[in-house]
């Protein structure tokens, strides 16, 4: 079967199907290629050495294709490129030149490698220093017990169809305990039933425990990658259909990020300012699912010292987890646990 090598392409979702292939150029390993029907698209080399299924270590010399963990770059990144403003979750590629995206963001070229070693990185002041490691570990341990131990583990690591079909209450509140403090979000099922059902499951069973706030800018705060590669791979294909946009992305509202129609998954963002553009852009808009009702000052105080840079490496975050973020972007604030607020 003949395949065509396309060096560049417009933004589309790429997903490993029947296995990666390696493209070559001048008899040298070029970039990893993901097979689509009759087409090979070159994507950046992932330089990793597999250890246990849930961890990877950076390796300088070997060039190994993508491993079976799902690498759905998220928000707005991907394959080491980014759409700087839209809270999308798209596996995309940089089109030729500098092209404006529909959402208002601009495409920016990133590294050709999914893992770029930075030399001499110094720890940045911020969230990681606000809560001691001992305190954070204790909260994570308590959160596991609070969620029912084995049941919580199964609901997150082996979610069943029946688990995911459970309807959320008409409204409920969740406290997010973070290294920067607490904030409380009220969720309303009439805003976006499918989205609220999903966030109900994720927060009920503490999926976000240990997740980093990897994107913090004046307009929004984004999180939702668990920091555990094996866990993120479990949820990579458990997307939910779209809800119509009922509310508006005003300051304090929380919405799911997405890559296109039917791609909402685990990543969410909190609007730090009014973002009416997100009501209509990017394949139907981003329907809000709730609102921060207490602790917005905590959301405003989340560490933002790395700017948009971590977003440009979401494939690396997915593949390497929090170890990548801790090494390359120290200081990011962390979610210790989520707990329901009693009515």
Protein backbone atom coordinates (compact mmCIF):
# COMPACT_ATOMS: atom_id res chain seq x y z
CA UNK A 1 0.00 0.00 0.00
CA UNK A 2 1.36 3.39 -0.95
CA UNK A 3 1.58 6.16 1.58
CA UNK A 4 2.16 9.85 1.11
CA UNK A 5 4.43 11.80 3.43
CA UNK A 6 2.99 15.22 4.20
CA UNK A 7 5.49 17.53 5.89
CA UNK A 8 2.83 19.94 7.11
CA UNK A 9 -0.92 19.90 7.51
CA UNK A 10 -3.77 22.00 8.87
CA UNK A 11 -4.93 21.34 12.43
CA UNK A 12 -6.59 17.95 12.70
CA UNK A 13 -6.90 15.37 15.40
CA UNK A 14 -4.33 12.61 15.13
CA UNK A 15 -4.65 9.43 17.06
CA UNK A 16 -2.43 6.29 16.99
CA UNK A 17 -4.43 3.59 15.22
CA UNK A 18 -2.86 0.29 14.23
CA UNK A 19 0.57 1.32 15.42
CA UNK A 20 3.23 3.91 14.69
CA UNK A 21 5.51 3.87 11.70
CA UNK A 22 8.87 5.54 11.34
CA UNK A 23 9.53 7.87 8.45
CA UNK A 24 13.09 8.24 7.19
CA UNK A 25 14.93 11.02 5.51
CA UNK A 26 18.40 10.79 3.98
CA UNK A 27 18.76 7.33 5.51
CA UNK A 28 18.42 8.79 8.99
CA UNK A 29 15.56 8.38 11.46
CA UNK A 30 13.29 11.33 10.87
CA UNK A 31 10.18 11.80 12.95
CA UNK A 32 7.68 9.35 14.27
CA UNK A 33 4.76 8.91 11.89
CA UNK A 34 1.21 8.02 12.86
CA UNK A 35 -0.68 6.01 10.27
CA UNK A 36 -3.92 7.39 8.95
CA UNK A 37 -5.70 5.86 5.95
CA UNK A 38 -3.11 5.92 3.15
CA UNK A 39 -1.26 8.83 4.69
CA UNK A 40 1.77 9.15 6.94
CA UNK A 41 2.04 12.38 8.87
CA UNK A 42 5.39 13.25 10.36
CA UNK A 43 5.25 14.19 14.01
CA UNK A 44 8.07 14.96 16.43
CA UNK A 45 10.33 12.27 17.79
CA UNK A 46 9.43 11.04 21.26
CA UNK A 47 12.72 10.27 23.01
CA UNK A 48 11.78 7.96 25.84
CA UNK A 49 12.77 4.68 27.37
CA UNK A 50 9.89 2.63 28.80
CA UNK A 51 10.02 1.58 32.42
CA UNK A 52 6.86 0.29 34.12
CA UNK A 53 3.71 0.90 32.06
CA UNK A 54 2.93 4.07 33.99
CA UNK A 55 6.29 5.78 33.83
CA UNK A 56 8.86 6.89 31.30
CA UNK A 57 12.35 8.28 31.58
CA UNK A 58 14.07 10.68 29.25
CA UNK A 59 16.78 9.08 27.15
CA UNK A 60 19.09 11.11 24.97
CA UNK A 61 20.18 8.61 22.35
CA UNK A 62 17.43 6.15 21.51
CA UNK A 63 14.64 7.18 19.17
CA UNK A 64 11.57 5.15 19.99
CA UNK A 65 8.14 5.55 18.38
CA UNK A 66 5.05 6.40 20.37
CA UNK A 67 4.12 3.78 22.94
CA UNK A 68 0.62 2.44 23.48
CA UNK A 69 -0.29 5.07 26.05
CA UNK A 70 -2.64 7.52 24.47
CA UNK A 71 -0.98 10.77 23.50
CA UNK A 72 -3.92 13.05 22.92
CA UNK A 73 -2.20 16.37 23.29
CA UNK A 74 -4.48 18.73 25.03
CA UNK A 75 -5.37 22.28 25.46
CA UNK A 76 -4.53 23.73 22.85
CA UNK A 77 -1.33 22.01 22.27
CA UNK A 78 0.10 19.49 20.46
CA UNK A 79 2.88 17.71 19.20
CA UNK A 80 4.84 20.55 20.63
CA UNK A 81 2.90 23.33 18.94
CA UNK A 82 0.22 25.47 20.46
CA UNK A 83 -2.72 27.68 19.74
CA UNK A 84 -1.88 30.27 22.31
CA UNK A 85 -5.29 31.41 23.47
CA UNK A 86 -8.07 28.88 22.94
CA UNK A 87 -8.57 26.30 25.70
CA UNK A 88 -8.76 23.47 23.19
CA UNK A 89 -7.56 19.90 23.61
CA UNK A 90 -6.58 19.22 20.05
CA UNK A 91 -3.88 17.02 18.63
CA UNK A 92 -2.82 19.48 16.00
CA UNK A 93 0.07 20.34 13.76
CA UNK A 94 1.55 23.68 12.82
CA UNK A 95 0.29 24.74 9.40
CA UNK A 96 2.72 26.46 7.02
CA UNK A 97 3.72 29.91 8.13
CA UNK A 98 2.03 31.83 10.93
CA UNK A 99 -1.71 31.26 10.71
CA UNK A 100 -4.45 32.79 12.83
CA UNK A 101 -6.79 30.26 14.39
CA UNK A 102 -10.54 30.65 14.35
CA UNK A 103 -10.66 31.09 18.12
CA UNK A 104 -8.39 34.10 17.97
CA UNK A 105 -5.16 32.39 18.96
CA UNK A 106 -2.07 32.30 16.80
CA UNK A 107 -0.06 29.23 15.93
CA UNK A 108 3.41 29.17 17.39
CA UNK A 109 6.12 26.73 16.47
CA UNK A 110 7.48 24.62 19.27
CA UNK A 111 10.26 22.13 19.67
CA UNK A 112 10.45 19.24 17.24
CA UNK A 113 11.08 16.91 20.13
CA UNK A 114 8.38 15.90 22.55
CA UNK A 115 10.93 15.93 25.36
CA UNK A 116 13.41 18.80 25.37
CA UNK A 117 15.98 18.71 28.13
CA UNK A 118 16.63 22.07 29.66
CA UNK A 119 19.96 22.51 31.36
CA UNK A 120 20.36 24.38 34.60
CA UNK A 121 16.68 24.91 35.39
CA UNK A 122 16.31 26.65 38.72
CA UNK A 123 13.32 26.04 40.99
CA UNK A 124 10.88 28.89 40.65
CA UNK A 125 9.11 30.37 43.64
CA UNK A 126 5.45 29.52 43.77
CA UNK A 127 2.91 26.86 44.56
CA UNK A 128 5.23 23.95 45.25
CA UNK A 129 6.72 25.84 48.17
CA UNK A 130 3.38 26.92 49.66
CA UNK A 131 2.41 23.53 51.02
CA UNK A 132 4.97 21.14 52.44
CA UNK A 133 5.47 17.82 50.71
CA UNK A 134 4.48 16.02 53.90
CA UNK A 135 1.20 17.91 54.13
CA UNK A 136 0.43 17.34 50.47
CA UNK A 137 1.17 13.60 50.74
CA UNK A 138 -1.05 13.35 53.80
CA UNK A 139 -3.92 15.03 51.99
CA UNK A 140 -3.52 12.70 49.02
CA UNK A 141 -3.61 9.69 51.35
CA UNK A 142 -6.69 11.00 53.14
CA UNK A 143 -8.40 11.65 49.83
CA UNK A 144 -7.93 8.02 48.81
CA UNK A 145 -9.53 6.80 52.04
CA UNK A 146 -12.31 9.36 51.85
CA UNK A 147 -13.34 8.14 48.44
CA UNK A 148 -13.86 4.55 49.49
CA UNK A 149 -10.50 2.97 48.76
CA UNK A 150 -10.99 0.04 46.37
CA UNK A 151 -14.20 1.39 44.87
CA UNK A 152 -12.61 4.75 44.16
CA UNK A 153 -9.63 3.02 42.58
CA UNK A 154 -11.86 0.94 40.32
CA UNK A 155 -14.10 3.88 39.39
CA UNK A 156 -11.08 5.83 38.19
CA UNK A 157 -8.81 3.11 36.83
CA UNK A 158 -11.50 0.78 35.46
CA UNK A 159 -14.58 2.95 34.89
CA UNK A 160 -17.58 0.91 33.80
CA UNK A 161 -20.35 1.99 31.48
CA UNK A 162 -22.76 1.95 34.39
CA UNK A 163 -20.43 4.12 36.50
CA UNK A 164 -20.15 6.72 33.77
CA UNK A 165 -23.91 6.68 33.15
CA UNK A 166 -24.75 7.82 36.70
CA UNK A 167 -26.55 11.15 36.67
CA UNK A 168 -25.22 13.91 38.86
CA UNK A 169 -27.54 15.72 41.30
CA UNK A 170 -29.31 18.78 39.93
CA UNK A 171 -26.69 20.86 41.74
CA UNK A 172 -23.77 20.10 44.02
CA UNK A 173 -20.65 21.76 45.34
CA UNK A 174 -17.06 20.55 45.38
CA UNK A 175 -14.12 21.90 47.35
CA UNK A 176 -10.77 21.82 45.56
CA UNK A 177 -7.96 21.71 48.10
CA UNK A 178 -4.78 22.95 46.45
CA UNK A 179 -1.26 23.96 47.38
CA UNK A 180 -2.38 27.60 47.08
CA UNK A 181 -5.52 27.27 49.20
CA UNK A 182 -9.11 26.17 48.69
CA UNK A 183 -11.83 27.14 46.29
CA UNK A 184 -15.40 25.87 45.98
CA UNK A 185 -17.21 25.24 42.70
CA UNK A 186 -20.98 24.87 42.36
CA UNK A 187 -22.06 22.67 39.45
CA UNK A 188 -25.53 22.85 37.86
CA UNK A 189 -26.77 19.98 35.73
CA UNK A 190 -29.20 22.12 33.75
CA UNK A 191 -26.25 24.05 32.30
CA UNK A 192 -24.68 21.02 30.62
CA UNK A 193 -26.03 17.61 31.72
CA UNK A 194 -23.37 15.44 30.11
CA UNK A 195 -20.51 17.64 31.22
CA UNK A 196 -21.78 17.86 34.80
CA UNK A 197 -22.27 14.08 34.95
CA UNK A 198 -18.62 13.65 33.94
CA UNK A 199 -17.22 16.18 36.41
CA UNK A 200 -19.37 14.59 39.12
CA UNK A 201 -17.67 11.25 38.54
CA UNK A 202 -14.17 12.73 38.34
CA UNK A 203 -14.45 14.84 41.48
CA UNK A 204 -16.38 12.23 43.44
CA UNK A 205 -13.54 9.73 43.03
CA UNK A 206 -10.65 12.18 43.19
CA UNK A 207 -9.34 11.86 39.66
CA UNK A 208 -7.72 15.28 39.99
CA UNK A 209 -5.70 14.49 43.12
CA UNK A 210 -2.11 15.32 42.22
CA UNK A 211 -2.98 17.21 39.02
CA UNK A 212 -1.00 20.37 38.27
CA UNK A 213 -2.41 23.71 37.16
CA UNK A 214 -0.16 23.65 34.12
CA UNK A 215 -1.70 26.60 32.31
CA UNK A 216 -2.29 29.86 34.16
CA UNK A 217 -2.67 33.12 32.28
CA UNK A 218 -4.71 36.30 32.79
CA UNK A 219 -7.67 34.80 30.93
CA UNK A 220 -7.97 31.31 32.34
CA UNK A 221 -6.61 28.49 34.48
CA UNK A 222 -6.47 25.05 32.92
CA UNK A 223 -5.94 21.61 34.44
CA UNK A 224 -7.14 18.04 34.04
CA UNK A 225 -4.18 15.83 33.15
CA UNK A 226 -3.80 13.56 36.17
CA UNK A 227 0.00 13.53 36.11
CA UNK A 228 -0.05 9.72 35.85
CA UNK A 229 0.56 8.52 32.27
CA UNK A 230 -1.17 5.19 32.78
CA UNK A 231 -4.27 6.85 34.24
CA UNK A 232 -4.47 9.46 31.50
CA UNK A 233 -4.29 6.66 28.93
CA UNK A 234 -7.32 4.99 30.55
CA UNK A 235 -9.41 8.12 30.02
CA UNK A 236 -8.00 9.13 26.65
CA UNK A 237 -10.85 7.60 24.65
CA UNK A 238 -13.67 8.19 27.14
CA UNK A 239 -14.85 11.44 25.61
CA UNK A 240 -18.42 12.66 25.97
CA UNK A 241 -20.74 14.23 23.37
CA UNK A 242 -21.23 17.96 23.31
CA UNK A 243 -23.80 19.87 25.32
CA UNK A 244 -25.33 23.03 23.86
CA UNK A 245 -23.95 26.26 25.26
CA UNK A 246 -26.54 27.58 27.71
CA UNK A 247 -24.47 29.81 29.98
CA UNK A 248 -21.64 32.17 29.13
CA UNK A 249 -17.93 31.95 29.91
CA UNK A 250 -17.88 34.82 32.35
CA UNK A 251 -15.32 35.29 35.12
CA UNK A 252 -15.47 32.42 37.61
CA UNK A 253 -17.24 29.91 35.38
CA UNK A 254 -15.71 26.50 34.70
CA UNK A 255 -15.97 24.63 31.38
CA UNK A 256 -14.49 21.57 29.73
CA UNK A 257 -11.68 22.12 27.26
CA UNK A 258 -12.00 20.24 23.99
CA UNK A 259 -10.38 19.49 20.65
CA UNK A 260 -13.47 19.59 18.48
CA UNK A 261 -16.95 18.07 18.41
CA UNK A 262 -17.39 15.26 20.92
CA UNK A 263 -13.94 15.47 22.50
CA UNK A 264 -14.58 16.69 26.05
CA UNK A 265 -12.76 14.41 28.42
CA UNK A 266 -11.07 15.32 31.73
CA UNK A 267 -9.51 18.73 31.10
CA UNK A 268 -11.34 21.79 32.36
CA UNK A 269 -10.60 25.50 32.64
CA UNK A 270 -11.73 28.28 34.94
CA UNK A 271 -12.29 31.69 33.38
CA UNK A 272 -10.34 34.40 35.19
CA UNK A 273 -12.00 37.07 33.07
CA UNK A 274 -15.06 37.31 30.83
CA UNK A 275 -14.38 35.25 27.69
CA UNK A 276 -17.50 35.59 25.51
CA UNK A 277 -15.56 34.36 22.48
CA UNK A 278 -15.52 30.88 24.04
CA UNK A 279 -19.32 30.74 23.87
CA UNK A 280 -19.29 30.33 20.10
CA UNK A 281 -15.81 29.54 18.82
CA UNK A 282 -14.04 26.24 18.29
CA UNK A 283 -16.66 23.81 17.03
CA UNK A 284 -19.70 25.06 18.90
CA UNK A 285 -18.23 26.79 21.92
CA UNK A 286 -17.37 25.70 25.45
CA UNK A 287 -20.50 25.19 27.58
CA UNK A 288 -19.98 26.20 31.23
CA UNK A 289 -20.77 23.51 33.79
CA UNK A 290 -20.53 25.53 37.00
CA UNK A 291 -19.09 28.53 38.79
CA UNK A 292 -16.56 29.26 41.51
CA UNK A 293 -18.66 30.42 44.46
CA UNK A 294 -15.90 30.76 47.04
CA UNK A 295 -12.15 31.18 46.88
CA UNK A 296 -11.78 32.96 43.56
CA UNK A 297 -8.83 34.74 45.16
CA UNK A 298 -7.13 31.33 45.29
CA UNK A 299 -7.72 30.84 41.57
CA UNK A 300 -6.26 34.29 40.93
CA UNK A 301 -3.21 33.47 43.07
CA UNK A 302 -2.22 30.22 41.31
CA UNK A 303 1.41 30.23 40.22
CA UNK A 304 1.79 31.60 36.69
CA UNK A 305 5.56 31.99 36.51
CA UNK A 306 6.00 29.72 33.48
CA UNK A 307 3.40 31.44 31.34
CA UNK A 308 2.13 29.47 28.36
CA UNK A 309 5.27 27.35 28.03
CA UNK A 310 3.98 24.16 29.74
CA UNK A 311 1.04 24.07 27.33
CA UNK A 312 3.50 23.59 24.49
CA UNK A 313 4.58 20.25 25.92
CA UNK A 314 1.33 18.49 26.67
CA UNK A 315 2.33 15.37 24.81
CA UNK A 316 5.34 15.21 27.10
CA UNK A 317 3.09 15.74 30.13
CA UNK A 318 0.85 12.91 28.95
CA UNK A 319 3.78 10.59 28.32
CA UNK A 320 5.93 11.49 31.33
CA UNK A 321 3.44 12.79 33.88
CA UNK A 322 4.23 15.03 36.81
CA UNK A 323 7.88 14.02 36.77
CA UNK A 324 8.26 16.05 33.57
CA UNK A 325 6.48 19.06 35.02
CA UNK A 326 8.38 18.93 38.31
CA UNK A 327 11.72 18.87 36.50
CA UNK A 328 11.02 21.31 33.72
CA UNK A 329 8.41 23.60 35.32
CA UNK A 330 8.92 23.60 39.10
CA UNK A 331 6.56 25.62 41.23
CA UNK A 332 3.25 24.72 39.60
CA UNK A 333 0.37 24.55 42.04
CA UNK A 334 -1.19 21.15 42.70
CA UNK A 335 -4.63 19.79 43.56
CA UNK A 336 -4.37 17.77 46.76
CA UNK A 337 -7.93 16.46 46.74
CA UNK A 338 -11.53 17.18 45.83
CA UNK A 339 -14.35 16.67 48.31
CA UNK A 340 -18.07 17.16 48.21
CA UNK A 341 -19.55 20.01 50.20
CA UNK A 342 -22.46 18.77 52.29
CA UNK A 343 -25.72 20.59 51.54
